[in-house]
Amino acid sequence: MTMSKTMKAYRVHAFGPPQAIVAEEIERPVPGEGEVLVKVKASGVGPWDGWIRSGHSALPQPLPLTLGSDLSGIVEAVGPDVKHAAPGDAVYGVTNPRFIGAYAEYAIAAAGMIARKPATIGDIEAASIPVIAVTARQALFDHAKLEAGQTVLIHGAAGNVGAYAVQFARKAGLTVIATASGSDIEMVRNLGAHTVVDFRSQRFEDVAHEVDAVIDLVGGETQTRSFTVLKRGGRLVSAVSQPDQELAKAHGVEAFFFLVVVTTAQLVEIAAMVDAGALVTQVGTVLPLSEAIAAHEMLEGTRPHAKGKIVLTVAA
């Protein structure tokens, strides 16, 4: 049986609302140097997909484009100079540095941004992990440079990135103070936070003092207020927005915004933790790829969805 030379992909030709997403039959791509072609089993849906679709990406995004970055699937073919992946390998990871291409039956992925899928979980769970888990790790260790024995304040700890940040921080021997609300408080505590502040009824400033770092996954006023709880020489790391450098200077701290860089090495370590039972993943709503518009309505908050990562499944 010869494989079709075309595939279904969910694309945008003009930036706009979720309805800008269209299903198209396009040519199946061929992997170039350092690339692999993945038969996609599942694709994660994240806020960055919405930013790209609406024209608010931090990176240039020439149109038309296929949305999606997180994926899990089977390597179909490899391009020249690919050493650590072969046809038939079950892999997970991210497509490319532009974070596009995964809402499709097949996707090209940079070989340096994928790794063997954790063996103990399925494709839906695997596709929920890459961007958010690597973001959490890089915030804590690459940018905040935290080490065992230090204290971190994590804002938005019940969110997709926050839940991983709490787990990584606890396992690295950090003292973890986290902000959350309502029914999420117990969940965040169970993930490993030593102290959970209910931000609706408590001020985190009353609990957190002289912390080594703040991981900001909320932005806005929460970010601004966070400068007051850092020790001099501390670090505020935001995955949301660029912190005020004047405020940072006034408080004698460093403050960064960063874009995640997904690498095979980080994915390998995360997969090992998943397979060792050391990481809890949280999948929320699962939809077929044909429901990509609905998934983006969930991202926008105009359609309800279960807590956790939204994942699209791609039919064989």
Protein backbone atom coordinates (compact mmCIF):
# COMPACT_ATOMS: atom_id res chain seq x y z
CA MET A 1 0.00 0.00 0.00
CA THR A 2 1.52 3.33 -1.00
CA MET A 3 1.23 6.18 1.44
CA SER A 4 -0.73 9.21 0.27
CA LYS A 5 1.43 12.17 -0.75
CA THR A 6 -1.02 14.55 0.93
CA MET A 7 -2.23 15.00 4.48
CA LYS A 8 -4.82 16.90 6.47
CA ALA A 9 -3.54 19.95 8.37
CA TYR A 10 -5.20 22.72 10.38
CA ARG A 11 -3.91 26.06 9.18
CA VAL A 12 -4.30 29.82 9.22
CA HIS A 13 -4.04 32.07 6.16
CA ALA A 14 -4.87 35.26 8.08
CA PHE A 15 -4.37 36.01 11.77
CA GLY A 16 -7.59 36.18 13.71
CA PRO A 17 -10.03 34.43 16.09
CA PRO A 18 -10.34 30.63 16.42
CA GLN A 19 -12.56 30.63 13.31
CA ALA A 20 -9.48 31.62 11.30
CA ILE A 21 -8.38 27.97 11.53
CA VAL A 22 -9.14 25.99 8.37
CA ALA A 23 -8.72 22.31 7.51
CA GLU A 24 -6.74 21.72 4.34
CA GLU A 25 -5.32 18.85 2.34
CA ILE A 26 -1.68 19.77 1.74
CA GLU A 27 1.43 18.04 0.49
CA ARG A 28 3.10 15.78 3.02
CA PRO A 29 6.44 17.39 3.93
CA VAL A 30 9.84 15.77 3.46
CA PRO A 31 12.46 16.01 6.23
CA GLY A 32 15.58 18.03 5.48
CA GLU A 33 18.96 17.96 7.17
CA GLY A 34 18.65 17.43 10.91
CA GLU A 35 14.89 16.85 10.67
CA VAL A 36 12.48 13.95 11.09
CA LEU A 37 9.01 13.33 9.71
CA VAL A 38 6.65 12.27 12.51
CA LYS A 39 3.32 10.51 12.01
CA VAL A 40 1.44 12.52 14.63
CA LYS A 41 -0.66 10.59 17.17
CA ALA A 42 -1.45 13.56 19.44
CA SER A 43 -0.74 17.28 19.54
CA GLY A 44 -0.80 19.50 22.62
CA VAL A 45 -2.64 22.82 22.60
CA GLY A 46 -1.08 25.75 24.47
CA PRO A 47 -1.53 29.51 24.88
CA TRP A 48 1.33 30.15 22.42
CA ASP A 49 -0.80 28.44 19.71
CA GLY A 50 -3.43 31.09 20.35
CA TRP A 51 -0.86 33.90 20.22
CA ILE A 52 0.44 32.60 16.89
CA ARG A 53 -3.08 32.20 15.46
CA SER A 54 -4.11 35.72 16.50
CA GLY A 55 -0.90 37.36 15.26
CA HIS A 56 0.60 38.03 18.69
CA SER A 57 3.57 35.64 18.54
CA ALA A 58 6.87 36.88 19.93
CA LEU A 59 8.46 35.43 16.75
CA PRO A 60 7.94 36.30 13.06
CA GLN A 61 5.28 33.94 11.64
CA PRO A 62 4.96 34.13 7.84
CA LEU A 63 1.56 32.96 6.57
CA PRO A 64 0.05 30.57 5.72
CA LEU A 65 1.09 28.22 8.52
CA THR A 66 0.03 25.01 10.22
CA LEU A 67 -0.56 25.51 13.96
CA GLY A 68 0.80 23.36 16.79
CA SER A 69 4.14 22.53 18.39
CA ASP A 70 3.83 19.82 21.07
CA LEU A 71 3.52 16.35 19.60
CA SER A 72 3.82 12.64 20.19
CA GLY A 73 3.97 10.04 17.44
CA ILE A 74 6.07 7.67 15.36
CA VAL A 75 9.08 8.61 13.24
CA GLU A 76 8.15 7.97 9.60
CA ALA A 77 11.37 9.14 7.92
CA VAL A 78 14.60 10.94 8.82
CA GLY A 79 16.62 13.52 6.93
CA PRO A 80 20.41 13.59 6.51
CA ASP A 81 22.59 13.84 9.65
CA VAL A 82 19.97 12.54 12.09
CA LYS A 83 21.73 10.28 14.60
CA HIS A 84 19.38 9.64 17.53
CA ALA A 85 16.09 8.85 15.75
CA ALA A 86 15.11 6.18 13.25
CA PRO A 87 11.91 5.21 11.43
CA GLY A 88 9.56 3.39 13.81
CA ASP A 89 10.75 5.20 16.96
CA ALA A 90 8.04 6.44 19.31
CA VAL A 91 8.96 10.07 20.05
CA TYR A 92 7.65 13.18 21.75
CA GLY A 93 8.75 16.79 21.75
CA VAL A 94 8.35 19.98 19.76
CA THR A 95 8.29 20.67 16.03
CA ASN A 96 10.69 23.60 15.60
CA PRO A 97 11.79 26.96 17.07
CA ARG A 98 8.76 28.69 15.46
CA PHE A 99 6.38 26.34 17.36
CA ILE A 100 4.31 25.44 14.30
CA GLY A 101 3.34 22.40 12.25
CA ALA A 102 1.87 19.84 14.67
CA TYR A 103 -1.89 20.13 14.01
CA ALA A 104 -1.52 17.71 11.12
CA GLU A 105 -1.38 14.02 10.26
CA TYR A 106 2.38 14.34 9.71
CA ALA A 107 4.78 16.96 11.02
CA ILE A 108 8.42 17.88 10.48
CA ALA A 109 10.34 18.14 13.76
CA ALA A 110 13.88 19.30 14.41
CA ALA A 111 15.79 16.21 15.58
CA GLY A 112 17.29 18.27 18.43
CA MET A 113 13.81 19.05 19.82
CA ILE A 114 12.45 15.49 20.15
CA ALA A 115 13.31 12.43 22.24
CA ARG A 116 12.06 8.90 22.87
CA LYS A 117 8.54 9.03 24.29
CA PRO A 118 8.25 7.99 27.96
CA ALA A 119 7.48 4.27 27.81
CA THR A 120 4.97 4.24 30.67
CA ILE A 121 2.44 6.68 29.16
CA GLY A 122 0.42 6.98 25.97
CA ASP A 123 0.62 9.57 23.20
CA ILE A 124 -2.06 11.85 24.65
CA GLU A 125 -0.18 12.25 27.93
CA ALA A 126 3.18 12.51 26.13
CA ALA A 127 1.90 15.31 23.86
CA SER A 128 0.79 17.25 26.94
CA ILE A 129 4.30 17.49 28.38
CA PRO A 130 7.03 19.07 26.23
CA VAL A 131 6.68 22.88 26.16
CA ILE A 132 5.20 23.31 29.64
CA ALA A 133 7.55 20.92 31.45
CA VAL A 134 10.69 22.30 29.76
CA THR A 135 9.48 25.86 30.47
CA ALA A 136 9.18 25.01 34.18
CA ARG A 137 12.64 23.44 34.31
CA GLN A 138 14.34 26.26 32.45
CA ALA A 139 12.67 28.92 34.61
CA LEU A 140 13.89 27.28 37.82
CA PHE A 141 17.35 26.10 36.91
CA ASP A 142 18.63 27.84 33.75
CA HIS A 143 17.30 31.32 34.50
CA ALA A 144 16.65 31.50 38.26
CA LYS A 145 19.74 29.27 38.80
CA LEU A 146 18.21 27.75 41.92
CA GLU A 147 19.99 25.14 44.00
CA ALA A 148 19.01 22.79 46.83
CA GLY A 149 18.31 24.61 50.09
CA GLN A 150 17.08 27.82 48.43
CA THR A 151 13.52 29.19 48.52
CA VAL A 152 11.32 29.86 45.51
CA LEU A 153 7.93 31.57 45.18
CA ILE A 154 5.90 30.16 42.26
CA HIS A 155 2.92 32.20 41.02
CA GLY A 156 0.19 30.39 39.11
CA ALA A 157 1.23 27.08 40.62
CA ALA A 158 -1.98 25.30 39.62
CA GLY A 159 -1.53 26.14 35.94
CA ASN A 160 0.06 23.80 33.42
CA VAL A 161 3.60 25.21 33.76
CA GLY A 162 3.19 25.91 37.47
CA ALA A 163 2.27 22.33 38.35
CA TYR A 164 5.53 21.10 36.81
CA ALA A 165 7.51 23.93 38.43
CA VAL A 166 6.27 22.88 41.88
CA GLN A 167 7.24 19.24 41.26
CA PHE A 168 10.69 20.01 39.84
CA ALA A 169 11.42 22.50 42.63
CA ARG A 170 10.44 20.09 45.42
CA LYS A 171 12.45 17.25 43.89
CA ALA A 172 15.50 19.53 43.61
CA GLY A 173 15.44 20.20 47.37
CA LEU A 174 14.02 23.73 47.24
CA THR A 175 11.62 25.24 49.75
CA VAL A 176 8.49 25.90 47.69
CA ILE A 177 5.99 28.67 48.37
CA ALA A 178 3.16 28.72 45.82
CA THR A 179 0.12 30.83 45.01
CA ALA A 180 -3.19 29.26 43.97
CA SER A 181 -6.86 29.51 44.91
CA GLY A 182 -9.92 27.49 45.87
CA SER A 183 -9.92 23.80 45.08
CA ASP A 184 -6.44 24.07 43.53
CA ILE A 185 -4.79 24.67 46.90
CA GLU A 186 -4.95 21.01 47.92
CA MET A 187 -3.68 19.88 44.50
CA VAL A 188 -0.67 22.22 44.65
CA ARG A 189 0.11 21.01 48.17
CA ASN A 190 -0.04 17.41 46.95
CA LEU A 191 2.39 18.23 44.13
CA GLY A 192 4.96 19.23 46.74
CA ALA A 193 4.53 22.88 47.76
CA HIS A 194 5.52 23.48 51.38
CA THR A 195 3.29 26.55 51.68
CA VAL A 196 0.32 27.46 49.49
CA VAL A 197 -1.02 31.02 49.62
CA ASP A 198 -4.68 31.51 48.63
CA PHE A 199 -4.21 34.66 46.55
CA ARG A 200 -7.91 35.50 46.79
CA SER A 201 -7.83 35.90 50.56
CA GLN A 202 -4.12 36.24 51.47
CA ARG A 203 -1.29 38.51 50.40
CA PHE A 204 1.77 36.52 49.41
CA GLU A 205 3.90 39.34 50.81
CA ASP A 206 2.69 38.31 54.29
CA VAL A 207 4.08 34.80 53.82
CA ALA A 208 7.08 35.06 51.48
CA HIS A 209 10.10 37.02 52.71
CA GLU A 210 13.62 37.24 51.30
CA VAL A 211 13.08 34.48 48.73
CA ASP A 212 15.90 33.55 46.36
CA ALA A 213 13.69 33.60 43.27
CA VAL A 214 10.18 34.24 42.00
CA ILE A 215 8.82 32.24 39.07
CA ASP A 216 6.12 34.43 37.55
CA LEU A 217 3.48 32.63 35.48
CA VAL A 218 0.81 35.30 36.03
CA GLY A 219 2.22 38.71 35.11
CA GLY A 220 0.56 42.07 35.77
CA GLU A 221 0.23 43.38 39.31
CA THR A 222 1.36 40.03 40.77
CA GLN A 223 4.69 40.40 38.96
CA THR A 224 5.13 44.01 40.10
CA ARG A 225 4.39 43.18 43.75
CA SER A 226 6.85 40.28 43.66
CA PHE A 227 9.92 42.53 43.69
CA THR A 228 9.29 43.29 47.36
CA VAL A 229 9.68 39.67 48.52
CA LEU A 230 13.01 38.96 46.82
CA LYS A 231 16.29 39.10 48.71
CA ARG A 232 18.92 41.43 47.26
CA GLY A 233 20.68 39.62 44.42
CA GLY A 234 17.59 37.44 43.89
CA ARG A 235 15.97 36.72 40.53
CA LEU A 236 12.50 37.24 39.12
CA VAL A 237 11.89 35.01 36.10
CA SER A 238 8.74 35.48 34.01
CA ALA A 239 7.39 33.25 31.26
CA VAL A 240 4.60 35.79 30.72
CA SER A 241 5.93 39.32 30.24
CA GLN A 242 9.06 41.47 30.39
CA PRO A 243 9.60 42.64 34.01
CA ASP A 244 10.23 46.31 34.84
CA GLN A 245 14.02 46.79 34.77
CA GLU A 246 13.87 50.03 36.77
CA LEU A 247 12.03 48.22 39.58
CA ALA A 248 14.57 45.40 39.43
CA LYS A 249 17.42 47.90 39.78
CA ALA A 250 15.70 49.68 42.69
CA HIS A 251 15.34 46.37 44.57
CA GLY A 252 18.85 45.15 43.77
CA VAL A 253 17.60 42.07 41.89
CA GLU A 254 17.72 40.64 38.38
CA ALA A 255 14.54 40.18 36.35
CA PHE A 256 14.08 38.26 33.10
CA PHE A 257 11.46 37.27 30.54
CA PHE A 258 12.37 34.17 28.54
CA LEU A 259 11.15 32.04 25.66
CA VAL A 260 11.55 28.32 26.20
CA VAL A 261 14.20 26.41 24.20
CA VAL A 262 13.22 22.75 23.99
CA THR A 263 16.12 20.31 23.65
CA THR A 264 16.48 16.54 23.33
CA ALA A 265 18.61 16.45 26.50
CA GLN A 266 15.87 18.06 28.62
CA LEU A 267 13.19 15.83 27.11
CA VAL A 268 15.27 12.72 27.86
CA GLU A 269 15.57 13.73 31.53
CA ILE A 270 11.88 14.53 31.80
CA ALA A 271 10.95 11.19 30.17
CA ALA A 272 13.14 9.38 32.71
CA MET A 273 11.34 11.15 35.57
CA VAL A 274 7.94 10.24 34.09
CA ASP A 275 8.96 6.60 33.69
CA ALA A 276 10.27 6.54 37.27
CA GLY A 277 6.88 7.75 38.51
CA ALA A 278 8.47 11.00 39.74
CA LEU A 279 6.29 13.38 37.70
CA VAL A 280 2.52 13.77 37.64
CA THR A 281 1.10 14.85 34.27
CA GLN A 282 -2.30 16.53 33.96
CA VAL A 283 -4.29 16.13 30.77
CA GLY A 284 -7.49 18.16 30.67
CA THR A 285 -9.83 18.03 27.68
CA VAL A 286 -9.04 15.64 24.80
CA LEU A 287 -10.54 16.36 21.37
CA PRO A 288 -10.07 15.01 17.84
CA LEU A 289 -7.89 17.14 15.53
CA SER A 290 -11.05 18.10 13.63
CA GLU A 291 -12.10 20.07 16.75
CA ALA A 292 -9.09 22.43 16.60
CA ILE A 293 -11.39 25.48 16.52
CA ALA A 294 -13.17 24.30 19.69
CA ALA A 295 -9.78 23.74 21.36
CA HIS A 296 -8.85 27.36 20.60
CA GLU A 297 -12.20 28.58 21.94
CA MET A 298 -11.23 26.80 25.16
CA LEU A 299 -7.87 28.60 25.12
CA GLU A 300 -9.73 31.91 24.75
CA GLY A 301 -12.07 31.06 27.63
CA THR A 302 -15.22 31.20 25.48
CA ARG A 303 -15.84 27.47 25.84
CA PRO A 304 -15.42 25.49 29.10
CA HIS A 305 -12.77 22.80 29.44
CA ALA A 306 -11.37 20.47 32.08
CA LYS A 307 -8.38 21.63 34.14
CA GLY A 308 -5.07 20.58 32.63
CA LYS A 309 -3.58 20.53 29.16
CA ILE A 310 -5.84 20.43 26.10
CA VAL A 311 -4.74 17.71 23.65
CA LEU A 312 -5.83 16.93 20.09
CA THR A 313 -5.77 13.29 18.93
CA VAL A 314 -4.85 12.56 15.35
CA ALA A 315 -6.67 9.61 13.77
CA ALA A 316 -4.60 6.96 11.99
